[in-house]
C-alpha atoms as a PDB file:
ATOM      1  CA  MET A   1     -20.960   0.613  20.739  1.00  0.00           C
ATOM      2  CA  ASN A   2     -18.380  -2.285  22.118  1.00  0.00           C
ATOM      3  CA  TRP A   3     -14.636  -0.725  23.188  1.00  0.00           C
ATOM      4  CA  GLN A   4     -12.402  -3.979  22.770  1.00  0.00           C
ATOM      5  CA  HIS A   5      -8.549  -3.801  23.815  1.00  0.00           C
ATOM      6  CA  PHE A   6      -6.114  -4.864  21.143  1.00  0.00           C
ATOM      7  CA  ASP A   7      -2.773  -4.831  20.552  1.00  0.00           C
ATOM      8  CA  ILE A   8      -0.629  -3.969  17.456  1.00  0.00           C
ATOM      9  CA  ARG A   9       2.461  -6.109  16.428  1.00  0.00           C
ATOM     10  CA  ILE A  10       4.897  -4.841  14.016  1.00  0.00           C
ATOM     11  CA  LEU A  11       5.499  -7.396  11.066  1.00  0.00           C
ATOM     12  CA  ASP A  12       9.118  -8.365  10.524  1.00  0.00           C
ATOM     13  CA  ALA A  13       8.211  -6.528   6.540  1.00  0.00           C
ATOM     14  CA  PRO A  14       8.349  -3.381   5.147  1.00  0.00           C
ATOM     15  CA  LEU A  15       5.016  -2.439   6.097  1.00  0.00           C
ATOM     16  CA  GLY A  16       2.146  -3.909   7.955  1.00  0.00           C
ATOM     17  CA  ALA A  17       1.118  -4.673  11.338  1.00  0.00           C
ATOM     18  CA  GLU A  18      -0.999  -7.456  13.108  1.00  0.00           C
ATOM     19  CA  ILE A  19      -4.153  -6.697  14.965  1.00  0.00           C
ATOM     20  CA  ILE A  20      -4.489  -8.702  17.732  1.00  0.00           C
ATOM     21  CA  GLY A  21      -7.059  -9.553  20.048  1.00  0.00           C
ATOM     22  CA  TYR A  22     -10.073  -7.412  18.217  1.00  0.00           C
ATOM     23  CA  ASN A  23     -13.038  -8.679  16.615  1.00  0.00           C
ATOM     24  CA  LEU A  24     -14.579  -7.432  13.400  1.00  0.00           C
ATOM     25  CA  GLY A  25     -17.446  -9.311  14.150  1.00  0.00           C
ATOM     26  CA  GLN A  26     -19.006  -7.135  17.215  1.00  0.00           C
ATOM     27  CA  GLU A  27     -19.998  -3.688  16.547  1.00  0.00           C
ATOM     28  CA  GLN A  28     -17.251  -1.167  16.360  1.00  0.00           C
ATOM     29  CA  ASP A  29     -16.064   1.801  18.709  1.00  0.00           C
ATOM     30  CA  ASP A  30     -15.496   4.970  17.449  1.00  0.00           C
ATOM     31  CA  ASN A  31     -12.099   5.184  19.635  1.00  0.00           C
ATOM     32  CA  ASN A  32     -11.253   1.735  18.505  1.00  0.00           C
ATOM     33  CA  THR A  33     -11.945   3.231  14.671  1.00  0.00           C
ATOM     34  CA  VAL A  34      -9.831   6.085  15.777  1.00  0.00           C
ATOM     35  CA  ARG A  35      -7.264   4.148  16.606  1.00  0.00           C
ATOM     36  CA  LEU A  36      -7.265   1.731  13.764  1.00  0.00           C
ATOM     37  CA  ARG A  37      -6.921   3.893  11.566  1.00  0.00           C
ATOM     38  CA  SER A  38      -4.005   5.821  13.273  1.00  0.00           C
ATOM     39  CA  ALA A  39      -2.389   2.297  12.741  1.00  0.00           C
ATOM     40  CA  LEU A  40      -3.055   2.369   9.784  1.00  0.00           C
ATOM     41  CA  ARG A  41      -1.730   5.489   8.255  1.00  0.00           C
ATOM     42  CA  ASP A  42       1.598   4.218   9.990  1.00  0.00           C
ATOM     43  CA  HIS A  43       1.813   0.735   9.031  1.00  0.00           C
ATOM     44  CA  HIS A  44      -0.484   0.727   5.668  1.00  0.00           C
ATOM     45  CA  LEU A  45      -2.012  -2.529   6.108  1.00  0.00           C
ATOM     46  CA  LEU A  46      -3.660  -4.359   8.800  1.00  0.00           C
ATOM     47  CA  VAL A  47      -4.137  -8.136   9.301  1.00  0.00           C
ATOM     48  CA  PHE A  48      -6.439  -9.352  11.015  1.00  0.00           C
ATOM     49  CA  ARG A  49      -6.466 -13.356  12.061  1.00  0.00           C
ATOM     50  CA  GLY A  50      -9.092 -15.400  12.465  1.00  0.00           C
ATOM     51  CA  GLN A  51     -11.997 -13.192  12.413  1.00  0.00           C
ATOM     52  CA  ARG A  52     -15.732 -14.749  11.731  1.00  0.00           C
ATOM     53  CA  ILE A  53     -17.631 -11.906  10.118  1.00  0.00           C
ATOM     54  CA  THR A  54     -20.584 -10.927   8.295  1.00  0.00           C
ATOM     55  CA  ALA A  55     -20.912  -9.901   5.409  1.00  0.00           C
ATOM     56  CA  ARG A  56     -22.243  -6.167   6.388  1.00  0.00           C
ATOM     57  CA  LEU A  57     -19.674  -5.708   9.326  1.00  0.00           C
ATOM     58  CA  GLN A  58     -16.954  -6.397   6.742  1.00  0.00           C
ATOM     59  CA  ARG A  59     -18.775  -3.674   4.615  1.00  0.00           C
ATOM     60  CA  GLU A  60     -18.839  -1.057   7.792  1.00  0.00           C
ATOM     61  CA  ALA A  61     -15.340  -1.784   8.779  1.00  0.00           C
ATOM     62  CA  GLY A  62     -13.974  -1.373   5.410  1.00  0.00           C
ATOM     63  CA  ASN A  63     -16.201   1.929   5.139  1.00  0.00           C
ATOM     64  CA  ARG A  64     -14.642   2.934   8.592  1.00  0.00           C
ATOM     65  CA  LEU A  65     -11.039   1.512   7.186  1.00  0.00           C
ATOM     66  CA  ALA A  66      -9.985   0.886   3.873  1.00  0.00           C
ATOM     67  CA  ALA A  67      -9.680  -1.191   0.617  1.00  0.00           C
ATOM     68  CA  GLN A  68      -9.775  -4.680   1.835  1.00  0.00           C
ATOM     69  CA  ALA A  69      -9.313  -8.445   0.859  1.00  0.00           C
ATOM     70  CA  LEU A  70     -10.212 -12.347   2.017  1.00  0.00           C
ATOM     71  CA  ALA A  71      -8.730 -14.885   0.085  1.00  0.00           C
ATOM     72  CA  PRO A  72      -9.085 -18.735   0.445  1.00  0.00           C
ATOM     73  CA  THR A  73      -6.378 -20.298   2.641  1.00  0.00           C
ATOM     74  CA  GLY A  74      -2.805 -21.024   1.008  1.00  0.00           C
ATOM     75  CA  GLU A  75      -3.258 -18.423  -1.625  1.00  0.00           C
ATOM     76  CA  VAL A  76      -0.164 -15.610  -1.448  1.00  0.00           C
ATOM     77  CA  ALA A  77      -0.834 -12.200  -1.810  1.00  0.00           C
ATOM     78  CA  LEU A  78       1.679  -9.493  -2.074  1.00  0.00           C
ATOM     79  CA  PHE A  79       1.970  -5.654  -1.709  1.00  0.00           C
ATOM     80  CA  ALA A  80       4.304  -3.350  -2.003  1.00  0.00           C
ATOM     81  CA  ASN A  81       5.261  -0.431   0.152  1.00  0.00           C
ATOM     82  CA  LEU A  82       4.971   2.669  -2.669  1.00  0.00           C
ATOM     83  CA  GLN A  83       6.176   5.060  -0.419  1.00  0.00           C
ATOM     84  CA  MET A  84       9.058   3.676   0.717  1.00  0.00           C
ATOM     85  CA  ALA A  85      10.012   2.822  -3.244  1.00  0.00           C
ATOM     86  CA  TYR A  86       9.769   6.625  -3.441  1.00  0.00           C
ATOM     87  CA  ASP A  87      11.744   7.385  -0.373  1.00  0.00           C
ATOM     88  CA  THR A  88      14.554   4.460  -2.375  1.00  0.00           C
ATOM     89  CA  LEU A  89      14.522   5.856  -5.349  1.00  0.00           C
ATOM     90  CA  PRO A  90      17.752   6.765  -6.901  1.00  0.00           C
ATOM     91  CA  LEU A  91      18.062  10.581  -7.078  1.00  0.00           C
ATOM     92  CA  GLY A  92      18.337  10.898 -10.999  1.00  0.00           C
ATOM     93  CA  LEU A  93      15.287   8.823 -11.072  1.00  0.00           C
ATOM     94  CA  ARG A  94      13.512  10.833  -8.373  1.00  0.00           C
ATOM     95  CA  ARG A  95      13.888  14.342 -10.044  1.00  0.00           C
ATOM     96  CA  MET A  96      12.996  12.568 -13.587  1.00  0.00           C
ATOM     97  CA  VAL A  97       9.055  11.572 -12.223  1.00  0.00           C
ATOM     98  CA  HIS A  98       9.051  14.281  -9.534  1.00  0.00           C
ATOM     99  CA  ASN A  99       6.614  16.369 -11.983  1.00  0.00           C
ATOM    100  CA  ALA A 100       6.015  14.121 -14.323  1.00  0.00           C
ATOM    101  CA  ARG A 101       2.184  12.757 -15.244  1.00  0.00           C
ATOM    102  CA  ALA A 102       0.946   9.600 -17.162  1.00  0.00           C
ATOM    103  CA  THR A 103      -2.316   9.271 -19.304  1.00  0.00           C
ATOM    104  CA  GLN A 104      -3.782   5.970 -18.231  1.00  0.00           C
ATOM    105  CA  GLU A 105      -6.392   4.202 -21.165  1.00  0.00           C
ATOM    106  CA  GLY A 106      -9.929   5.242 -20.385  1.00  0.00           C
ATOM    107  CA  ALA A 107      -8.427   7.941 -18.036  1.00  0.00           C
ATOM    108  CA  ALA A 108     -10.057  11.319 -17.879  1.00  0.00           C
ATOM    109  CA  CYS A 109      -6.820  13.336 -17.179  1.00  0.00           C
ATOM    110  CA  ALA A 110      -3.330  12.731 -16.714  1.00  0.00           C
ATOM    111  CA  LEU A 111      -2.479  11.351 -13.082  1.00  0.00           C
ATOM    112  CA  PRO A 112       1.009  12.393 -11.298  1.00  0.00           C
ATOM    113  CA  LEU A 113       3.539   9.928 -10.927  1.00  0.00           C
ATOM    114  CA  VAL A 114       4.273  11.036  -7.486  1.00  0.00           C
ATOM    115  CA  ARG A 115       1.162  11.183  -5.367  1.00  0.00           C
ATOM    116  CA  LEU A 116       0.991  13.009  -2.402  1.00  0.00           C
ATOM    117  CA  HIS A 117      -1.115  10.737   1.066  1.00  0.00           C
ATOM    118  CA  PRO A 118      -4.027  13.055   1.742  1.00  0.00           C
ATOM    119  CA  GLU A 119      -3.420  12.624   5.652  1.00  0.00           C
ATOM    120  CA  THR A 120       0.061  12.114   6.012  1.00  0.00           C
ATOM    121  CA  GLY A 121       1.447  14.161   3.065  1.00  0.00           C
ATOM    122  CA  ARG A 122       4.142  11.699   2.664  1.00  0.00           C
ATOM    123  CA  ARG A 123       4.829  10.782  -1.311  1.00  0.00           C
ATOM    124  CA  ALA A 124       4.504   7.311  -3.009  1.00  0.00           C
ATOM    125  CA  ILE A 125       5.332   6.570  -6.454  1.00  0.00           C
ATOM    126  CA  LEU A 126       2.456   5.852  -8.847  1.00  0.00           C
ATOM    127  CA  VAL A 127       3.095   2.633 -10.319  1.00  0.00           C
ATOM    128  CA  ALA A 128       0.893   2.569 -14.245  1.00  0.00           C
ATOM    129  CA  ASN A 129       0.772  -0.084 -16.179  1.00  0.00           C
ATOM    130  CA  PRO A 130       3.339   0.691 -18.986  1.00  0.00           C
ATOM    131  CA  GLU A 131       0.920  -1.202 -21.167  1.00  0.00           C
ATOM    132  CA  THR A 132      -1.765   0.761 -20.845  1.00  0.00           C
ATOM    133  CA  ALA A 133      -0.063   3.948 -19.708  1.00  0.00           C
ATOM    134  CA  ARG A 134       2.303   6.828 -21.531  1.00  0.00           C
ATOM    135  CA  VAL A 135       4.228   9.561 -19.806  1.00  0.00           C
ATOM    136  CA  VAL A 136       2.994  12.764 -21.026  1.00  0.00           C
ATOM    137  CA  GLY A 137       6.231  14.564 -22.785  1.00  0.00           C
ATOM    138  CA  ALA A 138       8.102  11.184 -23.632  1.00  0.00           C
ATOM    139  CA  SER A 139       8.141   8.884 -26.655  1.00  0.00           C
ATOM    140  CA  ALA A 140       6.693   5.482 -26.587  1.00  0.00           C
ATOM    141  CA  ALA A 141       9.681   3.685 -26.206  1.00  0.00           C
ATOM    142  CA  GLU A 142      11.013   6.412 -23.278  1.00  0.00           C
ATOM    143  CA  SER A 143       7.550   6.306 -21.434  1.00  0.00           C
ATOM    144  CA  ALA A 144       7.520   2.214 -21.589  1.00  0.00           C
ATOM    145  CA  GLN A 145      11.456   2.191 -20.385  1.00  0.00           C
ATOM    146  CA  LEU A 146      10.391   4.653 -17.600  1.00  0.00           C
ATOM    147  CA  LEU A 147       7.059   2.545 -16.191  1.00  0.00           C
ATOM    148  CA  GLN A 148       8.828  -0.134 -16.467  1.00  0.00           C
ATOM    149  CA  GLU A 149      11.580   0.955 -13.958  1.00  0.00           C
ATOM    150  CA  LEU A 150       9.458   2.620 -11.966  1.00  0.00           C
ATOM    151  CA  HIS A 151       7.559  -1.129 -11.567  1.00  0.00           C
ATOM    152  CA  ALA A 152      10.384  -2.621 -11.046  1.00  0.00           C
ATOM    153  CA  HIS A 153      11.684  -0.519  -8.558  1.00  0.00           C
ATOM    154  CA  ALA A 154       8.147  -0.528  -6.388  1.00  0.00           C
ATOM    155  CA  THR A 155       8.345  -4.447  -6.181  1.00  0.00           C
ATOM    156  CA  ARG A 156      11.701  -5.004  -5.022  1.00  0.00           C
ATOM    157  CA  SER A 157      11.933  -7.651  -2.369  1.00  0.00           C
ATOM    158  CA  GLN A 158      12.941  -5.080  -0.059  1.00  0.00           C
ATOM    159  CA  HIS A 159       9.744  -3.194  -0.395  1.00  0.00           C
ATOM    160  CA  LEU A 160       7.108  -6.282  -0.483  1.00  0.00           C
ATOM    161  CA  TYR A 161       5.151  -8.207   2.212  1.00  0.00           C
ATOM    162  CA  GLN A 162       3.690 -11.818   1.571  1.00  0.00           C
ATOM    163  CA  HIS A 163       0.721 -12.555   3.140  1.00  0.00           C
ATOM    164  CA  GLU A 164       0.104 -16.316   3.291  1.00  0.00           C
ATOM    165  CA  TRP A 165      -3.873 -16.779   4.159  1.00  0.00           C
ATOM    166  CA  LEU A 166      -4.735 -18.403   6.986  1.00  0.00           C
ATOM    167  CA  PRO A 167      -8.376 -19.214   7.926  1.00  0.00           C
ATOM    168  CA  GLY A 168     -10.684 -16.341   8.569  1.00  0.00           C
ATOM    169  CA  ASP A 169      -7.907 -13.338   7.519  1.00  0.00           C
ATOM    170  CA  LEU A 170      -9.324 -10.278   6.711  1.00  0.00           C
ATOM    171  CA  LEU A 171      -6.528  -7.296   5.927  1.00  0.00           C
ATOM    172  CA  PHE A 172      -7.468  -3.895   5.393  1.00  0.00           C
ATOM    173  CA  TRP A 173      -4.552  -1.421   3.411  1.00  0.00           C
ATOM    174  CA  ASP A 174      -4.099   1.879   2.613  1.00  0.00           C
ATOM    175  CA  GLN A 175      -4.729   2.770  -1.346  1.00  0.00           C
ATOM    176  CA  HIS A 176      -2.336   5.680  -0.836  1.00  0.00           C
ATOM    177  CA  SER A 177       0.808   3.825   0.146  1.00  0.00           C
ATOM    178  CA  LEU A 178       0.436   0.192  -1.314  1.00  0.00           C
ATOM    179  CA  MET A 179       0.054  -1.448  -3.956  1.00  0.00           C
ATOM    180  CA  PRO A 180      -1.238  -5.099  -4.029  1.00  0.00           C
ATOM    181  CA  VAL A 181       1.063  -7.200  -6.821  1.00  0.00           C
ATOM    182  CA  SER A 182      -0.067 -10.236  -8.922  1.00  0.00           C
ATOM    183  CA  LEU A 183       2.077 -13.282  -8.935  1.00  0.00           C
ATOM    184  CA  MET A 184       3.564 -13.812 -12.135  1.00  0.00           C
END
């Protein structure tokens, strides 16, 4: 295993950090993996620039870290910080969703609208699609309104990180605290 020195630069955004001086194309050292996982928990998204990596090593890195993405240069990706969205919910809305559950089309059971991160215990809202989900115990209209309100709150600009892809960028994000947002 190869130990690599690297720096972590916090992005000027509501989430994310850039990992500087780390080559994912080399075999990974367990100590580095621990440090990277800690940075991922703290910053929710890690940006690795200028990576030249084989598909096998990309999969291995993904298994050690989290969800990952590559995209063509020049495209833009948005990520919403769902923990920050929960923390900034108006008190009345927070009380309303705290124990609420929603059924998702095709899912076996109802999911909580507020979930706990399995490692940090921090709360995050679960943003369900109002077209395919329904809040348990609410009318269709109430459910759609609540889910649309949660989505609108989660995708407010102060909760978003916008990433413009450069050649060799590789992103890893924490699926328990972030949500990729499609550009409309």
